[in-house]
Amino acid sequence: MRKECNLEQLVKAIIAIENEEECREFLSDICTYQELEKLVQRLEAAQLLLEGKTYEQVIQETNISSTTLSRVSRCMKYGNNGYKTILNKINNKKED
């Protein structure tokens, strides 16, 4: 039995994804519907916070819990810039 999570294997798996179809298939296999829903909700909340929306507006638009929103907000302010980096990449592709 493994004692620790092998995050590196997951990171390598994600990096190996070549297109949107592969990504959808991988996410569908590795996550439950509810887990995917929560991930989508967090990403939407991060986008809305990046746009300057208030907690109240984000909660109303995403139906996210205040606890989860607080965690997303902390990550946006003090984390590793993961949300901001990815959202900026997504937003820049939309403009192209």
PDB file of N, CA and C in Angstrom:
ATOM      1  N   MET A   1       0.848  -1.191   0.000  1.00  0.00           N
ATOM      2  CA  MET A   1       0.000   0.000   0.000  1.00  0.00           C
ATOM      3  C   MET A   1       0.888   1.247   0.000  1.00  0.00           C
ATOM      4  N   ARG A   2       0.534   2.223  -0.800  1.00  0.00           N
ATOM      5  CA  ARG A   2       1.292   3.470  -0.880  1.00  0.00           C
ATOM      6  C   ARG A   2       0.972   4.349   0.315  1.00  0.00           C
ATOM      7  N   LYS A   3       1.996   4.985   0.840  1.00  0.00           N
ATOM      8  CA  LYS A   3       1.821   5.829   2.016  1.00  0.00           C
ATOM      9  C   LYS A   3       1.565   7.284   1.667  1.00  0.00           C
ATOM     10  N   GLU A   4       2.004   7.720   0.491  1.00  0.00           N
ATOM     11  CA  GLU A   4       1.839   9.126   0.132  1.00  0.00           C
ATOM     12  C   GLU A   4       1.252   9.262  -1.269  1.00  0.00           C
ATOM     13  N   CYS A   5       0.617  10.361  -1.487  1.00  0.00           N
ATOM     14  CA  CYS A   5       0.018  10.650  -2.787  1.00  0.00           C
ATOM     15  C   CYS A   5       1.116  10.969  -3.788  1.00  0.00           C
ATOM     16  N   ASN A   6       1.011  10.418  -4.977  1.00  0.00           N
ATOM     17  CA  ASN A   6       2.004  10.681  -6.007  1.00  0.00           C
ATOM     18  C   ASN A   6       1.501  11.799  -6.916  1.00  0.00           C
ATOM     19  N   LEU A   7       1.631  13.021  -6.432  1.00  0.00           N
ATOM     20  CA  LEU A   7       1.178  14.186  -7.181  1.00  0.00           C
ATOM     21  C   LEU A   7       1.914  14.309  -8.511  1.00  0.00           C
ATOM     22  N   GLU A   8       3.176  13.921  -8.534  1.00  0.00           N
ATOM     23  CA  GLU A   8       3.961  14.024  -9.762  1.00  0.00           C
ATOM     24  C   GLU A   8       3.334  13.221 -10.898  1.00  0.00           C
ATOM     25  N   GLN A   9       2.795  12.047 -10.591  1.00  0.00           N
ATOM     26  CA  GLN A   9       2.169  11.228 -11.630  1.00  0.00           C
ATOM     27  C   GLN A   9       0.935  11.932 -12.194  1.00  0.00           C
ATOM     28  N   LEU A  10       0.152  12.571 -11.325  1.00  0.00           N
ATOM     29  CA  LEU A  10      -1.020  13.310 -11.781  1.00  0.00           C
ATOM     30  C   LEU A  10      -0.606  14.503 -12.636  1.00  0.00           C
ATOM     31  N   VAL A  11       0.410  15.221 -12.204  1.00  0.00           N
ATOM     32  CA  VAL A  11       0.906  16.367 -12.974  1.00  0.00           C
ATOM     33  C   VAL A  11       1.376  15.908 -14.356  1.00  0.00           C
ATOM     34  N   LYS A  12       2.119  14.826 -14.414  1.00  0.00           N
ATOM     35  CA  LYS A  12       2.591  14.302 -15.695  1.00  0.00           C
ATOM     36  C   LYS A  12       1.423  13.877 -16.580  1.00  0.00           C
ATOM     37  N   ALA A  13       0.405  13.290 -15.967  1.00  0.00           N
ATOM     38  CA  ALA A  13      -0.778  12.880 -16.733  1.00  0.00           C
ATOM     39  C   ALA A  13      -1.469  14.094 -17.340  1.00  0.00           C
ATOM     40  N   ILE A  14      -1.608  15.155 -16.567  1.00  0.00           N
ATOM     41  CA  ILE A  14      -2.274  16.366 -17.061  1.00  0.00           C
ATOM     42  C   ILE A  14      -1.446  17.007 -18.180  1.00  0.00           C
ATOM     43  N   ILE A  15      -0.141  17.063 -18.000  1.00  0.00           N
ATOM     44  CA  ILE A  15       0.725  17.645 -19.022  1.00  0.00           C
ATOM     45  C   ILE A  15       0.682  16.831 -20.315  1.00  0.00           C
ATOM     46  N   ALA A  16       0.447  15.541 -20.194  1.00  0.00           N
ATOM     47  CA  ALA A  16       0.422  14.666 -21.375  1.00  0.00           C
ATOM     48  C   ALA A  16      -0.842  14.828 -22.213  1.00  0.00           C
ATOM     49  N   ILE A  17      -1.852  15.494 -21.683  1.00  0.00           N
ATOM     50  CA  ILE A  17      -3.103  15.690 -22.417  1.00  0.00           C
ATOM     51  C   ILE A  17      -2.837  16.552 -23.643  1.00  0.00           C
ATOM     52  N   GLU A  18      -3.291  16.083 -24.796  1.00  0.00           N
ATOM     53  CA  GLU A  18      -2.969  16.762 -26.052  1.00  0.00           C
ATOM     54  C   GLU A  18      -4.076  17.637 -26.609  1.00  0.00           C
ATOM     55  N   ASN A  19      -5.322  17.405 -26.197  1.00  0.00           N
ATOM     56  CA  ASN A  19      -6.408  18.216 -26.757  1.00  0.00           C
ATOM     57  C   ASN A  19      -7.611  18.196 -25.819  1.00  0.00           C
ATOM     58  N   GLU A  20      -8.626  18.988 -26.169  1.00  0.00           N
ATOM     59  CA  GLU A  20      -9.799  19.112 -25.310  1.00  0.00           C
ATOM     60  C   GLU A  20     -10.548  17.797 -25.136  1.00  0.00           C
ATOM     61  N   GLU A  21     -10.639  17.018 -26.196  1.00  0.00           N
ATOM     62  CA  GLU A  21     -11.345  15.734 -26.098  1.00  0.00           C
ATOM     63  C   GLU A  21     -10.653  14.799 -25.110  1.00  0.00           C
ATOM     64  N   GLU A  22      -9.328  14.687 -25.217  1.00  0.00           N
ATOM     65  CA  GLU A  22      -8.574  13.863 -24.265  1.00  0.00           C
ATOM     66  C   GLU A  22      -8.768  14.370 -22.844  1.00  0.00           C
ATOM     67  N   CYS A  23      -8.778  15.679 -22.690  1.00  0.00           N
ATOM     68  CA  CYS A  23      -8.946  16.275 -21.370  1.00  0.00           C
ATOM     69  C   CYS A  23     -10.309  15.940 -20.786  1.00  0.00           C
ATOM     70  N   ARG A  24     -11.362  16.091 -21.587  1.00  0.00           N
ATOM     71  CA  ARG A  24     -12.713  15.749 -21.120  1.00  0.00           C
ATOM     72  C   ARG A  24     -12.803  14.282 -20.720  1.00  0.00           C
ATOM     73  N   GLU A  25     -12.238  13.411 -21.553  1.00  0.00           N
ATOM     74  CA  GLU A  25     -12.280  11.975 -21.266  1.00  0.00           C
ATOM     75  C   GLU A  25     -11.526  11.653 -19.985  1.00  0.00           C
ATOM     76  N   PHE A  26     -10.347  12.245 -19.812  1.00  0.00           N
ATOM     77  CA  PHE A  26      -9.550  12.007 -18.612  1.00  0.00           C
ATOM     78  C   PHE A  26     -10.278  12.492 -17.365  1.00  0.00           C
ATOM     79  N   LEU A  27     -10.785  13.726 -17.428  1.00  0.00           N
ATOM     80  CA  LEU A  27     -11.496  14.273 -16.273  1.00  0.00           C
ATOM     81  C   LEU A  27     -12.738  13.456 -15.937  1.00  0.00           C
ATOM     82  N   SER A  28     -13.447  12.989 -16.956  1.00  0.00           N
ATOM     83  CA  SER A  28     -14.641  12.173 -16.731  1.00  0.00           C
ATOM     84  C   SER A  28     -14.299  10.847 -16.072  1.00  0.00           C
ATOM     85  N   ASP A  29     -13.137  10.307 -16.412  1.00  0.00           N
ATOM     86  CA  ASP A  29     -12.719   9.038 -15.819  1.00  0.00           C
ATOM     87  C   ASP A  29     -12.167   9.207 -14.404  1.00  0.00           C
ATOM     88  N   ILE A  30     -11.426  10.273 -14.184  1.00  0.00           N
ATOM     89  CA  ILE A  30     -10.716  10.419 -12.916  1.00  0.00           C
ATOM     90  C   ILE A  30     -11.560  11.085 -11.817  1.00  0.00           C
ATOM     91  N   CYS A  31     -12.593  11.837 -12.222  1.00  0.00           N
ATOM     92  CA  CYS A  31     -13.437  12.555 -11.259  1.00  0.00           C
ATOM     93  C   CYS A  31     -14.884  12.095 -11.350  1.00  0.00           C
ATOM     94  N   THR A  32     -15.569  12.166 -10.222  1.00  0.00           N
ATOM     95  CA  THR A  32     -17.007  11.949 -10.253  1.00  0.00           C
ATOM     96  C   THR A  32     -17.673  13.199 -10.819  1.00  0.00           C
ATOM     97  N   TYR A  33     -18.940  13.078 -11.167  1.00  0.00           N
ATOM     98  CA  TYR A  33     -19.677  14.235 -11.668  1.00  0.00           C
ATOM     99  C   TYR A  33     -19.663  15.368 -10.639  1.00  0.00           C
ATOM    100  N   GLN A  34     -19.865  15.022  -9.364  1.00  0.00           N
ATOM    101  CA  GLN A  34     -19.887  16.040  -8.308  1.00  0.00           C
ATOM    102  C   GLN A  34     -18.523  16.707  -8.150  1.00  0.00           C
ATOM    103  N   GLU A  35     -17.448  15.936  -8.267  1.00  0.00           N
ATOM    104  CA  GLU A  35     -16.112  16.519  -8.167  1.00  0.00           C
ATOM    105  C   GLU A  35     -15.854  17.488  -9.313  1.00  0.00           C
ATOM    106  N   LEU A  36     -16.251  17.099 -10.505  1.00  0.00           N
ATOM    107  CA  LEU A  36     -16.108  17.995 -11.660  1.00  0.00           C
ATOM    108  C   LEU A  36     -16.912  19.267 -11.472  1.00  0.00           C
ATOM    109  N   GLU A  37     -18.130  19.100 -10.973  1.00  0.00           N
ATOM    110  CA  GLU A  37     -18.991  20.255 -10.722  1.00  0.00           C
ATOM    111  C   GLU A  37     -18.323  21.232  -9.753  1.00  0.00           C
ATOM    112  N   LYS A  38     -17.698  20.714  -8.701  1.00  0.00           N
ATOM    113  CA  LYS A  38     -17.020  21.561  -7.711  1.00  0.00           C
ATOM    114  C   LYS A  38     -15.800  22.251  -8.321  1.00  0.00           C
ATOM    115  N   LEU A  39     -15.062  21.544  -9.151  1.00  0.00           N
ATOM    116  CA  LEU A  39     -13.902  22.151  -9.811  1.00  0.00           C
ATOM    117  C   LEU A  39     -14.338  23.289 -10.731  1.00  0.00           C
ATOM    118  N   VAL A  40     -15.390  23.046 -11.494  1.00  0.00           N
ATOM    119  CA  VAL A  40     -15.932  24.082 -12.384  1.00  0.00           C
ATOM    120  C   VAL A  40     -16.385  25.283 -11.568  1.00  0.00           C
ATOM    121  N   GLN A  41     -17.061  25.010 -10.472  1.00  0.00           N
ATOM    122  CA  GLN A  41     -17.570  26.076  -9.602  1.00  0.00           C
ATOM    123  C   GLN A  41     -16.422  26.926  -9.055  1.00  0.00           C
ATOM    124  N   ARG A  42     -15.348  26.282  -8.634  1.00  0.00           N
ATOM    125  CA  ARG A  42     -14.190  27.020  -8.110  1.00  0.00           C
ATOM    126  C   ARG A  42     -13.538  27.880  -9.185  1.00  0.00           C
ATOM    127  N   LEU A  43     -13.404  27.328 -10.380  1.00  0.00           N
ATOM    128  CA  LEU A  43     -12.809  28.094 -11.479  1.00  0.00           C
ATOM    129  C   LEU A  43     -13.684  29.286 -11.854  1.00  0.00           C
ATOM    130  N   GLU A  44     -14.996  29.082 -11.885  1.00  0.00           N
ATOM    131  CA  GLU A  44     -15.922  30.192 -12.169  1.00  0.00           C
ATOM    132  C   GLU A  44     -15.817  31.261 -11.092  1.00  0.00           C
ATOM    133  N   ALA A  45     -15.743  30.839  -9.837  1.00  0.00           N
ATOM    134  CA  ALA A  45     -15.627  31.790  -8.735  1.00  0.00           C
ATOM    135  C   ALA A  45     -14.334  32.586  -8.850  1.00  0.00           C
ATOM    136  N   ALA A  46     -13.239  31.916  -9.177  1.00  0.00           N
ATOM    137  CA  ALA A  46     -11.957  32.609  -9.340  1.00  0.00           C
ATOM    138  C   ALA A  46     -12.039  33.630 -10.465  1.00  0.00           C
ATOM    139  N   GLN A  47     -12.688  33.262 -11.567  1.00  0.00           N
ATOM    140  CA  GLN A  47     -12.857  34.193 -12.688  1.00  0.00           C
ATOM    141  C   GLN A  47     -13.640  35.425 -12.248  1.00  0.00           C
ATOM    142  N   LEU A  48     -14.717  35.212 -11.525  1.00  0.00           N
ATOM    143  CA  LEU A  48     -15.543  36.332 -11.073  1.00  0.00           C
ATOM    144  C   LEU A  48     -14.791  37.220 -10.095  1.00  0.00           C
ATOM    145  N   LEU A  49     -13.993  36.618  -9.205  1.00  0.00           N
ATOM    146  CA  LEU A  49     -13.173  37.414  -8.289  1.00  0.00           C
ATOM    147  C   LEU A  49     -12.137  38.221  -9.071  1.00  0.00           C
ATOM    148  N   LEU A  50     -11.558  37.607 -10.089  1.00  0.00           N
ATOM    149  CA  LEU A  50     -10.587  38.295 -10.943  1.00  0.00           C
ATOM    150  C   LEU A  50     -11.232  39.490 -11.640  1.00  0.00           C
ATOM    151  N   GLU A  51     -12.519  39.371 -11.953  1.00  0.00           N
ATOM    152  CA  GLU A  51     -13.266  40.458 -12.593  1.00  0.00           C
ATOM    153  C   GLU A  51     -13.693  41.534 -11.601  1.00  0.00           C
ATOM    154  N   GLY A  52     -13.427  41.313 -10.299  1.00  0.00           N
ATOM    155  CA  GLY A  52     -13.746  42.307  -9.286  1.00  0.00           C
ATOM    156  C   GLY A  52     -15.115  42.154  -8.640  1.00  0.00           C
ATOM    157  N   LYS A  53     -15.754  41.008  -8.845  1.00  0.00           N
ATOM    158  CA  LYS A  53     -17.073  40.784  -8.230  1.00  0.00           C
ATOM    159  C   LYS A  53     -16.926  40.622  -6.723  1.00  0.00           C
ATOM    160  N   THR A  54     -17.976  40.964  -5.986  1.00  0.00           N
ATOM    161  CA  THR A  54     -17.983  40.814  -4.539  1.00  0.00           C
ATOM    162  C   THR A  54     -18.296  39.363  -4.175  1.00  0.00           C
ATOM    163  N   TYR A  55     -18.024  38.998  -2.916  1.00  0.00           N
ATOM    164  CA  TYR A  55     -18.360  37.650  -2.437  1.00  0.00           C
ATOM    165  C   TYR A  55     -19.836  37.368  -2.673  1.00  0.00           C
ATOM    166  N   GLU A  56     -20.673  38.324  -2.341  1.00  0.00           N
ATOM    167  CA  GLU A  56     -22.121  38.142  -2.485  1.00  0.00           C
ATOM    168  C   GLU A  56     -22.495  37.865  -3.945  1.00  0.00           C
ATOM    169  N   GLN A  57     -21.909  38.616  -4.859  1.00  0.00           N
ATOM    170  CA  GLN A  57     -22.196  38.407  -6.284  1.00  0.00           C
ATOM    171  C   GLN A  57     -21.717  37.032  -6.751  1.00  0.00           C
ATOM    172  N   VAL A  58     -20.530  36.634  -6.298  1.00  0.00           N
ATOM    173  CA  VAL A  58     -19.982  35.340  -6.701  1.00  0.00           C
ATOM    174  C   VAL A  58     -20.856  34.203  -6.174  1.00  0.00           C
ATOM    175  N   ILE A  59     -21.243  34.293  -4.925  1.00  0.00           N
ATOM    176  CA  ILE A  59     -22.104  33.266  -4.331  1.00  0.00           C
ATOM    177  C   ILE A  59     -23.423  33.179  -5.089  1.00  0.00           C
ATOM    178  N   GLN A  60     -23.989  34.318  -5.420  1.00  0.00           N
ATOM    179  CA  GLN A  60     -25.262  34.341  -6.138  1.00  0.00           C
ATOM    180  C   GLN A  60     -25.119  33.733  -7.537  1.00  0.00           C
ATOM    181  N   GLU A  61     -24.026  34.037  -8.230  1.00  0.00           N
ATOM    182  CA  GLU A  61     -23.851  33.568  -9.602  1.00  0.00           C
ATOM    183  C   GLU A  61     -23.409  32.111  -9.702  1.00  0.00           C
ATOM    184  N   THR A  62     -22.698  31.613  -8.689  1.00  0.00           N
ATOM    185  CA  THR A  62     -22.141  30.260  -8.777  1.00  0.00           C
ATOM    186  C   THR A  62     -22.756  29.265  -7.802  1.00  0.00           C
ATOM    187  N   ASN A  63     -23.462  29.763  -6.797  1.00  0.00           N
ATOM    188  CA  ASN A  63     -24.023  28.916  -5.744  1.00  0.00           C
ATOM    189  C   ASN A  63     -22.927  28.195  -4.952  1.00  0.00           C
ATOM    190  N   ILE A  64     -21.753  28.800  -4.883  1.00  0.00           N
ATOM    191  CA  ILE A  64     -20.624  28.244  -4.140  1.00  0.00           C
ATOM    192  C   ILE A  64     -20.823  28.531  -2.652  1.00  0.00           C
ATOM    193  N   SER A  65     -20.319  27.667  -1.791  1.00  0.00           N
ATOM    194  CA  SER A  65     -20.423  27.917  -0.358  1.00  0.00           C
ATOM    195  C   SER A  65     -19.446  29.029   0.024  1.00  0.00           C
ATOM    196  N   SER A  66     -19.763  29.731   1.084  1.00  0.00           N
ATOM    197  CA  SER A  66     -18.887  30.822   1.521  1.00  0.00           C
ATOM    198  C   SER A  66     -17.534  30.281   1.970  1.00  0.00           C
ATOM    199  N   THR A  67     -17.510  29.082   2.526  1.00  0.00           N
ATOM    200  CA  THR A  67     -16.251  28.464   2.953  1.00  0.00           C
ATOM    201  C   THR A  67     -15.353  28.181   1.749  1.00  0.00           C
ATOM    202  N   THR A  68     -15.924  27.605   0.704  1.00  0.00           N
ATOM    203  CA  THR A  68     -15.147  27.300  -0.495  1.00  0.00           C
ATOM    204  C   THR A  68     -14.710  28.586  -1.188  1.00  0.00           C
ATOM    205  N   LEU A  69     -15.592  29.553  -1.230  1.00  0.00           N
ATOM    206  CA  LEU A  69     -15.246  30.833  -1.842  1.00  0.00           C
ATOM    207  C   LEU A  69     -14.098  31.492  -1.090  1.00  0.00           C
ATOM    208  N   SER A  70     -14.118  31.410   0.217  1.00  0.00           N
ATOM    209  CA  SER A  70     -13.050  31.967   1.029  1.00  0.00           C
ATOM    210  C   SER A  70     -11.717  31.300   0.691  1.00  0.00           C
ATOM    211  N   ARG A  71     -11.744  29.992   0.493  1.00  0.00           N
ATOM    212  CA  ARG A  71     -10.523  29.260   0.137  1.00  0.00           C
ATOM    213  C   ARG A  71     -10.029  29.688  -1.244  1.00  0.00           C
ATOM    214  N   VAL A  72     -10.941  29.803  -2.197  1.00  0.00           N
ATOM    215  CA  VAL A  72     -10.561  30.250  -3.544  1.00  0.00           C
ATOM    216  C   VAL A  72      -9.948  31.648  -3.464  1.00  0.00           C
ATOM    217  N   SER A  73     -10.574  32.516  -2.700  1.00  0.00           N
ATOM    218  CA  SER A  73     -10.088  33.889  -2.556  1.00  0.00           C
ATOM    219  C   SER A  73      -8.692  33.915  -1.933  1.00  0.00           C
ATOM    220  N   ARG A  74      -8.470  33.104  -0.903  1.00  0.00           N
ATOM    221  CA  ARG A  74      -7.144  33.037  -0.277  1.00  0.00           C
ATOM    222  C   ARG A  74      -6.093  32.570  -1.289  1.00  0.00           C
ATOM    223  N   CYS A  75      -6.464  31.570  -2.086  1.00  0.00           N
ATOM    224  CA  CYS A  75      -5.538  31.093  -3.123  1.00  0.00           C
ATOM    225  C   CYS A  75      -5.243  32.186  -4.139  1.00  0.00           C
ATOM    226  N   MET A  76      -6.265  32.959  -4.487  1.00  0.00           N
ATOM    227  CA  MET A  76      -6.079  34.050  -5.445  1.00  0.00           C
ATOM    228  C   MET A  76      -5.134  35.111  -4.883  1.00  0.00           C
ATOM    229  N   LYS A  77      -5.230  35.371  -3.578  1.00  0.00           N
ATOM    230  CA  LYS A  77      -4.420  36.429  -2.964  1.00  0.00           C
ATOM    231  C   LYS A  77      -3.040  35.958  -2.531  1.00  0.00           C
ATOM    232  N   TYR A  78      -2.979  34.755  -1.945  1.00  0.00           N
ATOM    233  CA  TYR A  78      -1.738  34.332  -1.293  1.00  0.00           C
ATOM    234  C   TYR A  78      -1.168  33.017  -1.825  1.00  0.00           C
ATOM    235  N   GLY A  79      -1.806  32.453  -2.807  1.00  0.00           N
ATOM    236  CA  GLY A  79      -1.392  31.146  -3.311  1.00  0.00           C
ATOM    237  C   GLY A  79      -0.258  31.230  -4.311  1.00  0.00           C
ATOM    238  N   ASN A  80      -0.182  30.232  -5.156  1.00  0.00           N
ATOM    239  CA  ASN A  80       0.905  30.114  -6.125  1.00  0.00           C
ATOM    240  C   ASN A  80       0.559  30.710  -7.487  1.00  0.00           C
ATOM    241  N   ASN A  81      -0.500  31.499  -7.549  1.00  0.00           N
ATOM    242  CA  ASN A  81      -0.962  32.134  -8.790  1.00  0.00           C
ATOM    243  C   ASN A  81      -1.481  31.155  -9.829  1.00  0.00           C
ATOM    244  N   GLY A  82      -1.834  29.948  -9.395  1.00  0.00           N
ATOM    245  CA  GLY A  82      -2.346  28.949 -10.320  1.00  0.00           C
ATOM    246  C   GLY A  82      -3.625  29.384 -11.011  1.00  0.00           C
ATOM    247  N   TYR A  83      -4.585  29.862 -10.229  1.00  0.00           N
ATOM    248  CA  TYR A  83      -5.850  30.328 -10.822  1.00  0.00           C
ATOM    249  C   TYR A  83      -5.589  31.458 -11.808  1.00  0.00           C
ATOM    250  N   LYS A  84      -4.838  32.471 -11.359  1.00  0.00           N
ATOM    251  CA  LYS A  84      -4.595  33.649 -12.207  1.00  0.00           C
ATOM    252  C   LYS A  84      -3.873  33.272 -13.498  1.00  0.00           C
ATOM    253  N   THR A  85      -2.869  32.425 -13.392  1.00  0.00           N
ATOM    254  CA  THR A  85      -2.100  32.025 -14.572  1.00  0.00           C
ATOM    255  C   THR A  85      -3.002  31.346 -15.595  1.00  0.00           C
ATOM    256  N   ILE A  86      -3.759  30.367 -15.147  1.00  0.00           N
ATOM    257  CA  ILE A  86      -4.612  29.604 -16.068  1.00  0.00           C
ATOM    258  C   ILE A  86      -5.748  30.467 -16.605  1.00  0.00           C
ATOM    259  N   LEU A  87      -6.375  31.259 -15.742  1.00  0.00           N
ATOM    260  CA  LEU A  87      -7.473  32.111 -16.208  1.00  0.00           C
ATOM    261  C   LEU A  87      -6.981  33.150 -17.207  1.00  0.00           C
ATOM    262  N   ASN A  88      -5.800  33.703 -16.974  1.00  0.00           N
ATOM    263  CA  ASN A  88      -5.234  34.659 -17.938  1.00  0.00           C
ATOM    264  C   ASN A  88      -4.973  33.990 -19.281  1.00  0.00           C
ATOM    265  N   LYS A  89      -4.479  32.754 -19.246  1.00  0.00           N
ATOM    266  CA  LYS A  89      -4.263  32.022 -20.503  1.00  0.00           C
ATOM    267  C   LYS A  89      -5.576  31.775 -21.231  1.00  0.00           C
ATOM    268  N   ILE A  90      -6.594  31.355 -20.482  1.00  0.00           N
ATOM    269  CA  ILE A  90      -7.916  31.102 -21.077  1.00  0.00           C
ATOM    270  C   ILE A  90      -8.475  32.391 -21.645  1.00  0.00           C
ATOM    271  N   ASN A  91      -8.436  33.456 -20.880  1.00  0.00           N
ATOM    272  CA  ASN A  91      -8.999  34.735 -21.310  1.00  0.00           C
ATOM    273  C   ASN A  91      -8.272  35.303 -22.520  1.00  0.00           C
ATOM    274  N   ASN A  92      -6.952  35.117 -22.571  1.00  0.00           N
ATOM    275  CA  ASN A  92      -6.183  35.599 -23.728  1.00  0.00           C
ATOM    276  C   ASN A  92      -6.528  34.815 -24.979  1.00  0.00           C
ATOM    277  N   LYS A  93      -6.804  33.518 -24.853  1.00  0.00           N
ATOM    278  CA  LYS A  93      -7.198  32.719 -26.023  1.00  0.00           C
ATOM    279  C   LYS A  93      -8.561  33.140 -26.541  1.00  0.00           C
ATOM    280  N   LYS A  94      -9.460  33.550 -25.631  1.00  0.00           N
ATOM    281  CA  LYS A  94     -10.788  34.002 -26.046  1.00  0.00           C
ATOM    282  C   LYS A  94     -10.690  35.253 -26.913  1.00  0.00           C
ATOM    283  N   GLU A  95      -9.701  36.094 -26.605  1.00  0.00           N
ATOM    284  CA  GLU A  95      -9.540  37.365 -27.328  1.00  0.00           C
ATOM    285  C   GLU A  95      -8.942  37.156 -28.715  1.00  0.00           C
ATOM    286  N   ASP A  96      -8.201  36.053 -28.912  1.00  0.00           N
ATOM    287  CA  ASP A  96      -7.561  35.779 -30.213  1.00  0.00           C
ATOM    288  C   ASP A  96      -8.547  35.462 -31.307  1.00  0.00           C
TER     289      ASP A  96
END
